[in-house]
Amino acid sequence: MLHRVKDLSPEQKVAVEALLGRPVSSNQAVSVRAVTPATIIPSQLSQEERREALRKLDSYFAKVDSGRKPLSEEEEEAVFGEAMRSVHPNYRHVE
């Protein structure tokens, strides 16, 4: 659930800023979610478990790739640039 910063109590805003490690402005919204961390750390996986996980990932991505249309290099660059800017608004491609 999204919470508008302007609707937070002063104490809630301070807590959000402490968690984020930066100030938030009143025109922003925040979402807080509790998750249970994975109990298995990748370095604790056996070699066979790693191979099986990699095999499953390869299979999944092959399935995903088989359903997508081919893109030109320019289209690939445009999609990549859009994705990067959605995460890093000041991203600029440098050649």
PDB file of N, CA and C in Angstrom:
ATOM      1  N   MET A   1       0.833  -1.168   0.000  1.00  0.00           N
ATOM      2  CA  MET A   1       0.000   0.000   0.000  1.00  0.00           C
ATOM      3  C   MET A   1       0.883   1.238   0.000  1.00  0.00           C
ATOM      4  N   LEU A   2       0.535   2.199  -0.839  1.00  0.00           N
ATOM      5  CA  LEU A   2       1.293   3.444  -0.907  1.00  0.00           C
ATOM      6  C   LEU A   2       0.757   4.437   0.115  1.00  0.00           C
ATOM      7  N   HIS A   3       1.665   5.163   0.722  1.00  0.00           N
ATOM      8  CA  HIS A   3       1.313   6.209   1.674  1.00  0.00           C
ATOM      9  C   HIS A   3       1.913   7.513   1.170  1.00  0.00           C
ATOM     10  N   ARG A   4       1.098   8.521   1.031  1.00  0.00           N
ATOM     11  CA  ARG A   4       1.610   9.831   0.628  1.00  0.00           C
ATOM     12  C   ARG A   4       2.381  10.433   1.790  1.00  0.00           C
ATOM     13  N   VAL A   5       3.557  10.947   1.502  1.00  0.00           N
ATOM     14  CA  VAL A   5       4.392  11.535   2.548  1.00  0.00           C
ATOM     15  C   VAL A   5       3.641  12.672   3.238  1.00  0.00           C
ATOM     16  N   LYS A   6       2.887  13.441   2.471  1.00  0.00           N
ATOM     17  CA  LYS A   6       2.165  14.569   3.071  1.00  0.00           C
ATOM     18  C   LYS A   6       1.113  14.120   4.085  1.00  0.00           C
ATOM     19  N   ASP A   7       0.697  12.837   4.009  1.00  0.00           N
ATOM     20  CA  ASP A   7      -0.300  12.323   4.944  1.00  0.00           C
ATOM     21  C   ASP A   7       0.302  11.629   6.156  1.00  0.00           C
ATOM     22  N   LEU A   8       1.631  11.495   6.185  1.00  0.00           N
ATOM     23  CA  LEU A   8       2.293  10.840   7.308  1.00  0.00           C
ATOM     24  C   LEU A   8       2.386  11.782   8.503  1.00  0.00           C
ATOM     25  N   SER A   9       2.374  11.200   9.697  1.00  0.00           N
ATOM     26  CA  SER A   9       2.618  12.008  10.893  1.00  0.00           C
ATOM     27  C   SER A   9       4.094  12.399  10.889  1.00  0.00           C
ATOM     28  N   PRO A  10       4.453  13.430  11.638  1.00  0.00           N
ATOM     29  CA  PRO A  10       5.875  13.802  11.701  1.00  0.00           C
ATOM     30  C   PRO A  10       6.764  12.641  12.146  1.00  0.00           C
ATOM     31  N   GLU A  11       6.274  11.837  13.091  1.00  0.00           N
ATOM     32  CA  GLU A  11       7.065  10.700  13.570  1.00  0.00           C
ATOM     33  C   GLU A  11       7.246   9.653  12.471  1.00  0.00           C
ATOM     34  N   GLN A  12       6.180   9.417  11.700  1.00  0.00           N
ATOM     35  CA  GLN A  12       6.271   8.451  10.606  1.00  0.00           C
ATOM     36  C   GLN A  12       7.241   8.939   9.531  1.00  0.00           C
ATOM     37  N   LYS A  13       7.200  10.231   9.231  1.00  0.00           N
ATOM     38  CA  LYS A  13       8.103  10.787   8.226  1.00  0.00           C
ATOM     39  C   LYS A  13       9.554  10.638   8.678  1.00  0.00           C
ATOM     40  N   VAL A  14       9.818  10.900   9.937  1.00  0.00           N
ATOM     41  CA  VAL A  14      11.179  10.746  10.476  1.00  0.00           C
ATOM     42  C   VAL A  14      11.622   9.293  10.360  1.00  0.00           C
ATOM     43  N   ALA A  15      10.711   8.357  10.675  1.00  0.00           N
ATOM     44  CA  ALA A  15      11.054   6.935  10.591  1.00  0.00           C
ATOM     45  C   ALA A  15      11.353   6.529   9.149  1.00  0.00           C
ATOM     46  N   VAL A  16      10.546   6.987   8.206  1.00  0.00           N
ATOM     47  CA  VAL A  16      10.771   6.678   6.793  1.00  0.00           C
ATOM     48  C   VAL A  16      12.117   7.230   6.347  1.00  0.00           C
ATOM     49  N   GLU A  17      12.411   8.463   6.701  1.00  0.00           N
ATOM     50  CA  GLU A  17      13.682   9.069   6.312  1.00  0.00           C
ATOM     51  C   GLU A  17      14.862   8.338   6.937  1.00  0.00           C
ATOM     52  N   ALA A  18      14.685   7.866   8.161  1.00  0.00           N
ATOM     53  CA  ALA A  18      15.757   7.110   8.810  1.00  0.00           C
ATOM     54  C   ALA A  18      15.986   5.780   8.088  1.00  0.00           C
ATOM     55  N   LEU A  19      14.903   5.114   7.684  1.00  0.00           N
ATOM     56  CA  LEU A  19      15.029   3.844   6.969  1.00  0.00           C
ATOM     57  C   LEU A  19      15.665   4.033   5.592  1.00  0.00           C
ATOM     58  N   LEU A  20      15.260   5.095   4.897  1.00  0.00           N
ATOM     59  CA  LEU A  20      15.789   5.353   3.559  1.00  0.00           C
ATOM     60  C   LEU A  20      17.181   5.967   3.586  1.00  0.00           C
ATOM     61  N   GLY A  21      17.492   6.642   4.672  1.00  0.00           N
ATOM     62  CA  GLY A  21      18.790   7.301   4.762  1.00  0.00           C
ATOM     63  C   GLY A  21      18.852   8.591   3.970  1.00  0.00           C
ATOM     64  N   ARG A  22      17.680   9.167   3.712  1.00  0.00           N
ATOM     65  CA  ARG A  22      17.615  10.425   2.962  1.00  0.00           C
ATOM     66  C   ARG A  22      16.276  11.099   3.237  1.00  0.00           C
ATOM     67  N   PRO A  23      16.206  12.402   3.004  1.00  0.00           N
ATOM     68  CA  PRO A  23      14.933  13.100   3.194  1.00  0.00           C
ATOM     69  C   PRO A  23      13.924  12.714   2.110  1.00  0.00           C
ATOM     70  N   VAL A  24      12.657  12.818   2.442  1.00  0.00           N
ATOM     71  CA  VAL A  24      11.585  12.614   1.461  1.00  0.00           C
ATOM     72  C   VAL A  24      10.785  13.909   1.382  1.00  0.00           C
ATOM     73  N   SER A  25      10.215  14.164   0.206  1.00  0.00           N
ATOM     74  CA  SER A  25       9.428  15.386   0.043  1.00  0.00           C
ATOM     75  C   SER A  25       7.944  15.061   0.085  1.00  0.00           C
ATOM     76  N   SER A  26       7.145  16.086   0.343  1.00  0.00           N
ATOM     77  CA  SER A  26       5.711  15.897   0.524  1.00  0.00           C
ATOM     78  C   SER A  26       5.007  15.439  -0.748  1.00  0.00           C
ATOM     79  N   ASN A  27       5.629  15.595  -1.917  1.00  0.00           N
ATOM     80  CA  ASN A  27       4.990  15.149  -3.154  1.00  0.00           C
ATOM     81  C   ASN A  27       5.339  13.694  -3.495  1.00  0.00           C
ATOM     82  N   GLN A  28       6.037  13.001  -2.612  1.00  0.00           N
ATOM     83  CA  GLN A  28       6.398  11.608  -2.834  1.00  0.00           C
ATOM     84  C   GLN A  28       5.434  10.677  -2.100  1.00  0.00           C
ATOM     85  N   ALA A  29       5.512   9.412  -2.453  1.00  0.00           N
ATOM     86  CA  ALA A  29       4.762   8.371  -1.753  1.00  0.00           C
ATOM     87  C   ALA A  29       5.752   7.293  -1.347  1.00  0.00           C
ATOM     88  N   VAL A  30       5.446   6.591  -0.284  1.00  0.00           N
ATOM     89  CA  VAL A  30       6.317   5.513   0.187  1.00  0.00           C
ATOM     90  C   VAL A  30       5.488   4.250   0.373  1.00  0.00           C
ATOM     91  N   SER A  31       6.163   3.139   0.250  1.00  0.00           N
ATOM     92  CA  SER A  31       5.534   1.852   0.485  1.00  0.00           C
ATOM     93  C   SER A  31       6.465   1.058   1.374  1.00  0.00           C
ATOM     94  N   VAL A  32       5.929   0.474   2.424  1.00  0.00           N
ATOM     95  CA  VAL A  32       6.725  -0.323   3.345  1.00  0.00           C
ATOM     96  C   VAL A  32       6.145  -1.728   3.334  1.00  0.00           C
ATOM     97  N   ARG A  33       7.027  -2.710   3.203  1.00  0.00           N
ATOM     98  CA  ARG A  33       6.571  -4.091   3.157  1.00  0.00           C
ATOM     99  C   ARG A  33       7.510  -4.945   3.986  1.00  0.00           C
ATOM    100  N   ALA A  34       6.953  -5.823   4.785  1.00  0.00           N
ATOM    101  CA  ALA A  34       7.754  -6.765   5.562  1.00  0.00           C
ATOM    102  C   ALA A  34       7.907  -8.045   4.761  1.00  0.00           C
ATOM    103  N   VAL A  35       9.120  -8.547   4.709  1.00  0.00           N
ATOM    104  CA  VAL A  35       9.390  -9.793   4.000  1.00  0.00           C
ATOM    105  C   VAL A  35      10.222 -10.700   4.896  1.00  0.00           C
ATOM    106  N   THR A  36      10.108 -11.980   4.645  1.00  0.00           N
ATOM    107  CA  THR A  36      10.929 -12.948   5.355  1.00  0.00           C
ATOM    108  C   THR A  36      12.125 -13.267   4.470  1.00  0.00           C
ATOM    109  N   PRO A  37      13.335 -12.968   4.941  1.00  0.00           N
ATOM    110  CA  PRO A  37      14.504 -13.237   4.105  1.00  0.00           C
ATOM    111  C   PRO A  37      14.677 -14.731   3.872  1.00  0.00           C
ATOM    112  N   ALA A  38      15.279 -15.043   2.744  1.00  0.00           N
ATOM    113  CA  ALA A  38      15.555 -16.441   2.427  1.00  0.00           C
ATOM    114  C   ALA A  38      16.494 -17.014   3.470  1.00  0.00           C
ATOM    115  N   THR A  39      16.259 -18.236   3.850  1.00  0.00           N
ATOM    116  CA  THR A  39      17.125 -18.855   4.857  1.00  0.00           C
ATOM    117  C   THR A  39      18.327 -19.536   4.235  1.00  0.00           C
ATOM    118  N   ILE A  40      18.259 -19.780   2.924  1.00  0.00           N
ATOM    119  CA  ILE A  40      19.389 -20.419   2.251  1.00  0.00           C
ATOM    120  C   ILE A  40      20.203 -19.347   1.539  1.00  0.00           C
ATOM    121  N   ILE A  41      21.430 -19.238   1.910  1.00  0.00           N
ATOM    122  CA  ILE A  41      22.357 -18.304   1.276  1.00  0.00           C
ATOM    123  C   ILE A  41      22.993 -19.037   0.100  1.00  0.00           C
ATOM    124  N   PRO A  42      23.067 -18.392  -1.090  1.00  0.00           N
ATOM    125  CA  PRO A  42      23.616 -19.093  -2.257  1.00  0.00           C
ATOM    126  C   PRO A  42      24.935 -19.804  -2.002  1.00  0.00           C
ATOM    127  N   SER A  43      25.791 -19.225  -1.167  1.00  0.00           N
ATOM    128  CA  SER A  43      27.089 -19.866  -0.923  1.00  0.00           C
ATOM    129  C   SER A  43      26.936 -21.168  -0.143  1.00  0.00           C
ATOM    130  N   GLN A  44      25.736 -21.403   0.437  1.00  0.00           N
ATOM    131  CA  GLN A  44      25.509 -22.644   1.172  1.00  0.00           C
ATOM    132  C   GLN A  44      24.976 -23.756   0.275  1.00  0.00           C
ATOM    133  N   LEU A  45      24.713 -23.438  -0.985  1.00  0.00           N
ATOM    134  CA  LEU A  45      24.209 -24.451  -1.907  1.00  0.00           C
ATOM    135  C   LEU A  45      25.344 -25.368  -2.342  1.00  0.00           C
ATOM    136  N   SER A  46      25.012 -26.622  -2.515  1.00  0.00           N
ATOM    137  CA  SER A  46      26.011 -27.558  -3.033  1.00  0.00           C
ATOM    138  C   SER A  46      26.221 -27.281  -4.520  1.00  0.00           C
ATOM    139  N   GLN A  47      27.280 -27.838  -5.064  1.00  0.00           N
ATOM    140  CA  GLN A  47      27.550 -27.670  -6.500  1.00  0.00           C
ATOM    141  C   GLN A  47      26.382 -28.204  -7.321  1.00  0.00           C
ATOM    142  N   GLU A  48      25.832 -29.345  -6.913  1.00  0.00           N
ATOM    143  CA  GLU A  48      24.704 -29.936  -7.642  1.00  0.00           C
ATOM    144  C   GLU A  48      23.465 -29.036  -7.559  1.00  0.00           C
ATOM    145  N   GLU A  49      23.207 -28.436  -6.399  1.00  0.00           N
ATOM    146  CA  GLU A  49      22.066 -27.520  -6.255  1.00  0.00           C
ATOM    147  C   GLU A  49      22.256 -26.278  -7.131  1.00  0.00           C
ATOM    148  N   ARG A  50      23.483 -25.811  -7.208  1.00  0.00           N
ATOM    149  CA  ARG A  50      23.768 -24.660  -8.072  1.00  0.00           C
ATOM    150  C   ARG A  50      23.548 -25.017  -9.539  1.00  0.00           C
ATOM    151  N   ARG A  51      24.024 -26.186  -9.949  1.00  0.00           N
ATOM    152  CA  ARG A  51      23.831 -26.625 -11.330  1.00  0.00           C
ATOM    153  C   ARG A  51      22.343 -26.742 -11.664  1.00  0.00           C
ATOM    154  N   GLU A  52      21.565 -27.298 -10.736  1.00  0.00           N
ATOM    155  CA  GLU A  52      20.135 -27.459 -10.963  1.00  0.00           C
ATOM    156  C   GLU A  52      19.444 -26.096 -11.048  1.00  0.00           C
ATOM    157  N   ALA A  53      19.815 -25.171 -10.193  1.00  0.00           N
ATOM    158  CA  ALA A  53      19.234 -23.820 -10.236  1.00  0.00           C
ATOM    159  C   ALA A  53      19.578 -23.146 -11.559  1.00  0.00           C
ATOM    160  N   LEU A  54      20.813 -23.286 -12.000  1.00  0.00           N
ATOM    161  CA  LEU A  54      21.232 -22.707 -13.276  1.00  0.00           C
ATOM    162  C   LEU A  54      20.480 -23.344 -14.439  1.00  0.00           C
ATOM    163  N   ARG A  55      20.288 -24.655 -14.396  1.00  0.00           N
ATOM    164  CA  ARG A  55      19.545 -25.353 -15.448  1.00  0.00           C
ATOM    165  C   ARG A  55      18.113 -24.824 -15.515  1.00  0.00           C
ATOM    166  N   LYS A  56      17.480 -24.635 -14.353  1.00  0.00           N
ATOM    167  CA  LYS A  56      16.110 -24.120 -14.321  1.00  0.00           C
ATOM    168  C   LYS A  56      16.039 -22.689 -14.858  1.00  0.00           C
ATOM    169  N   LEU A  57      17.025 -21.871 -14.490  1.00  0.00           N
ATOM    170  CA  LEU A  57      17.051 -20.499 -15.007  1.00  0.00           C
ATOM    171  C   LEU A  57      17.250 -20.483 -16.513  1.00  0.00           C
ATOM    172  N   ASP A  58      18.176 -21.292 -17.010  1.00  0.00           N
ATOM    173  CA  ASP A  58      18.404 -21.379 -18.460  1.00  0.00           C
ATOM    174  C   ASP A  58      17.123 -21.787 -19.176  1.00  0.00           C
ATOM    175  N   SER A  59      16.427 -22.763 -18.617  1.00  0.00           N
ATOM    176  CA  SER A  59      15.181 -23.240 -19.221  1.00  0.00           C
ATOM    177  C   SER A  59      14.122 -22.138 -19.216  1.00  0.00           C
ATOM    178  N   TYR A  60      14.008 -21.439 -18.099  1.00  0.00           N
ATOM    179  CA  TYR A  60      13.024 -20.358 -17.987  1.00  0.00           C
ATOM    180  C   TYR A  60      13.313 -19.254 -19.008  1.00  0.00           C
ATOM    181  N   PHE A  61      14.556 -18.816 -19.085  1.00  0.00           N
ATOM    182  CA  PHE A  61      14.890 -17.721 -20.003  1.00  0.00           C
ATOM    183  C   PHE A  61      14.777 -18.157 -21.468  1.00  0.00           C
ATOM    184  N   ALA A  62      15.075 -19.418 -21.766  1.00  0.00           N
ATOM    185  CA  ALA A  62      14.892 -19.917 -23.131  1.00  0.00           C
ATOM    186  C   ALA A  62      13.411 -19.864 -23.500  1.00  0.00           C
ATOM    187  N   LYS A  63      12.550 -20.222 -22.563  1.00  0.00           N
ATOM    188  CA  LYS A  63      11.101 -20.173 -22.805  1.00  0.00           C
ATOM    189  C   LYS A  63      10.645 -18.736 -23.030  1.00  0.00           C
ATOM    190  N   VAL A  64      11.112 -17.815 -22.199  1.00  0.00           N
ATOM    191  CA  VAL A  64      10.757 -16.400 -22.343  1.00  0.00           C
ATOM    192  C   VAL A  64      11.262 -15.866 -23.676  1.00  0.00           C
ATOM    193  N   ASP A  65      12.515 -16.166 -24.007  1.00  0.00           N
ATOM    194  CA  ASP A  65      13.107 -15.670 -25.256  1.00  0.00           C
ATOM    195  C   ASP A  65      12.410 -16.223 -26.493  1.00  0.00           C
ATOM    196  N   SER A  66      11.903 -17.444 -26.404  1.00  0.00           N
ATOM    197  CA  SER A  66      11.257 -18.042 -27.583  1.00  0.00           C
ATOM    198  C   SER A  66       9.964 -17.311 -27.953  1.00  0.00           C
ATOM    199  N   GLY A  67       9.369 -16.613 -27.007  1.00  0.00           N
ATOM    200  CA  GLY A  67       8.116 -15.911 -27.270  1.00  0.00           C
ATOM    201  C   GLY A  67       8.261 -14.456 -27.640  1.00  0.00           C
ATOM    202  N   ARG A  68       9.479 -13.960 -27.680  1.00  0.00           N
ATOM    203  CA  ARG A  68       9.634 -12.534 -27.997  1.00  0.00           C
ATOM    204  C   ARG A  68      10.035 -12.351 -29.454  1.00  0.00           C
ATOM    205  N   LYS A  69       9.592 -11.219 -30.001  1.00  0.00           N
ATOM    206  CA  LYS A  69       9.939 -10.939 -31.393  1.00  0.00           C
ATOM    207  C   LYS A  69      11.370 -10.416 -31.474  1.00  0.00           C
ATOM    208  N   PRO A  70      12.039 -10.672 -32.571  1.00  0.00           N
ATOM    209  CA  PRO A  70      13.406 -10.158 -32.737  1.00  0.00           C
ATOM    210  C   PRO A  70      13.400  -8.623 -32.783  1.00  0.00           C
ATOM    211  N   LEU A  71      14.428  -8.023 -32.219  1.00  0.00           N
ATOM    212  CA  LEU A  71      14.570  -6.568 -32.219  1.00  0.00           C
ATOM    213  C   LEU A  71      15.835  -6.174 -32.962  1.00  0.00           C
ATOM    214  N   SER A  72      15.780  -5.010 -33.565  1.00  0.00           N
ATOM    215  CA  SER A  72      16.994  -4.473 -34.171  1.00  0.00           C
ATOM    216  C   SER A  72      17.910  -3.979 -33.056  1.00  0.00           C
ATOM    217  N   GLU A  73      19.147  -3.725 -33.392  1.00  0.00           N
ATOM    218  CA  GLU A  73      20.089  -3.214 -32.395  1.00  0.00           C
ATOM    219  C   GLU A  73      19.614  -1.875 -31.846  1.00  0.00           C
ATOM    220  N   GLU A  74      19.040  -1.035 -32.704  1.00  0.00           N
ATOM    221  CA  GLU A  74      18.531   0.271 -32.273  1.00  0.00           C
ATOM    222  C   GLU A  74      17.374   0.095 -31.284  1.00  0.00           C
ATOM    223  N   GLU A  75      16.479  -0.861 -31.569  1.00  0.00           N
ATOM    224  CA  GLU A  75      15.362  -1.117 -30.663  1.00  0.00           C
ATOM    225  C   GLU A  75      15.845  -1.647 -29.318  1.00  0.00           C
ATOM    226  N   GLU A  76      16.854  -2.536 -29.361  1.00  0.00           N
ATOM    227  CA  GLU A  76      17.427  -3.057 -28.122  1.00  0.00           C
ATOM    228  C   GLU A  76      18.014  -1.925 -27.288  1.00  0.00           C
ATOM    229  N   GLU A  77      18.752  -1.022 -27.928  1.00  0.00           N
ATOM    230  CA  GLU A  77      19.351   0.119 -27.233  1.00  0.00           C
ATOM    231  C   GLU A  77      18.265   1.007 -26.619  1.00  0.00           C
ATOM    232  N   ALA A  78      17.175   1.227 -27.364  1.00  0.00           N
ATOM    233  CA  ALA A  78      16.084   2.069 -26.872  1.00  0.00           C
ATOM    234  C   ALA A  78      15.415   1.438 -25.652  1.00  0.00           C
ATOM    235  N   VAL A  79      15.167   0.142 -25.717  1.00  0.00           N
ATOM    236  CA  VAL A  79      14.542  -0.562 -24.592  1.00  0.00           C
ATOM    237  C   VAL A  79      15.462  -0.524 -23.379  1.00  0.00           C
ATOM    238  N   PHE A  80      16.746  -0.795 -23.605  1.00  0.00           N
ATOM    239  CA  PHE A  80      17.710  -0.764 -22.510  1.00  0.00           C
ATOM    240  C   PHE A  80      17.789   0.631 -21.893  1.00  0.00           C
ATOM    241  N   GLY A  81      17.872   1.655 -22.737  1.00  0.00           N
ATOM    242  CA  GLY A  81      17.944   3.033 -22.233  1.00  0.00           C
ATOM    243  C   GLY A  81      16.713   3.405 -21.427  1.00  0.00           C
ATOM    244  N   GLU A  82      15.544   2.999 -21.899  1.00  0.00           N
ATOM    245  CA  GLU A  82      14.306   3.287 -21.169  1.00  0.00           C
ATOM    246  C   GLU A  82      14.298   2.601 -19.809  1.00  0.00           C
ATOM    247  N   ALA A  83      14.737   1.349 -19.779  1.00  0.00           N
ATOM    248  CA  ALA A  83      14.791   0.617 -18.510  1.00  0.00           C
ATOM    249  C   ALA A  83      15.775   1.279 -17.544  1.00  0.00           C
ATOM    250  N   MET A  84      16.929   1.671 -18.043  1.00  0.00           N
ATOM    251  CA  MET A  84      17.929   2.319 -17.183  1.00  0.00           C
ATOM    252  C   MET A  84      17.411   3.646 -16.643  1.00  0.00           C
ATOM    253  N   ARG A  85      16.754   4.439 -17.502  1.00  0.00           N
ATOM    254  CA  ARG A  85      16.226   5.730 -17.051  1.00  0.00           C
ATOM    255  C   ARG A  85      15.085   5.572 -16.045  1.00  0.00           C
ATOM    256  N   SER A  86      14.357   4.448 -16.119  1.00  0.00           N
ATOM    257  CA  SER A  86      13.279   4.245 -15.150  1.00  0.00           C
ATOM    258  C   SER A  86      13.844   4.014 -13.751  1.00  0.00           C
ATOM    259  N   VAL A  87      15.075   3.512 -13.677  1.00  0.00           N
ATOM    260  CA  VAL A  87      15.721   3.261 -12.394  1.00  0.00           C
ATOM    261  C   VAL A  87      16.683   4.397 -12.029  1.00  0.00           C
ATOM    262  N   HIS A  88      17.363   4.920 -13.030  1.00  0.00           N
ATOM    263  CA  HIS A  88      18.325   6.010 -12.850  1.00  0.00           C
ATOM    264  C   HIS A  88      17.941   7.156 -13.799  1.00  0.00           C
ATOM    265  N   PRO A  89      17.087   8.084 -13.332  1.00  0.00           N
ATOM    266  CA  PRO A  89      16.563   9.129 -14.219  1.00  0.00           C
ATOM    267  C   PRO A  89      17.621   9.938 -14.960  1.00  0.00           C
ATOM    268  N   ASN A  90      18.809  10.064 -14.428  1.00  0.00           N
ATOM    269  CA  ASN A  90      19.853  10.853 -15.083  1.00  0.00           C
ATOM    270  C   ASN A  90      20.763  10.013 -15.969  1.00  0.00           C
ATOM    271  N   TYR A  91      20.371   8.746 -16.225  1.00  0.00           N
ATOM    272  CA  TYR A  91      21.189   7.854 -17.058  1.00  0.00           C
ATOM    273  C   TYR A  91      21.342   8.415 -18.456  1.00  0.00           C
ATOM    274  N   ARG A  92      22.558   8.434 -18.953  1.00  0.00           N
ATOM    275  CA  ARG A  92      22.849   8.826 -20.329  1.00  0.00           C
ATOM    276  C   ARG A  92      23.793   7.800 -20.912  1.00  0.00           C
ATOM    277  N   HIS A  93      23.456   7.302 -22.084  1.00  0.00           N
ATOM    278  CA  HIS A  93      24.312   6.321 -22.754  1.00  0.00           C
ATOM    279  C   HIS A  93      25.602   7.004 -23.218  1.00  0.00           C
ATOM    280  N   VAL A  94      26.737   6.401 -22.923  1.00  0.00           N
ATOM    281  CA  VAL A  94      28.030   6.932 -23.338  1.00  0.00           C
ATOM    282  C   VAL A  94      28.665   5.918 -24.262  1.00  0.00           C
ATOM    283  N   GLU A  95      29.110   6.370 -25.420  1.00  0.00           N
ATOM    284  CA  GLU A  95      29.773   5.460 -26.356  1.00  0.00           C
ATOM    285  C   GLU A  95      31.248   5.587 -26.287  1.00  0.00           C
TER     286      GLU A  95
END
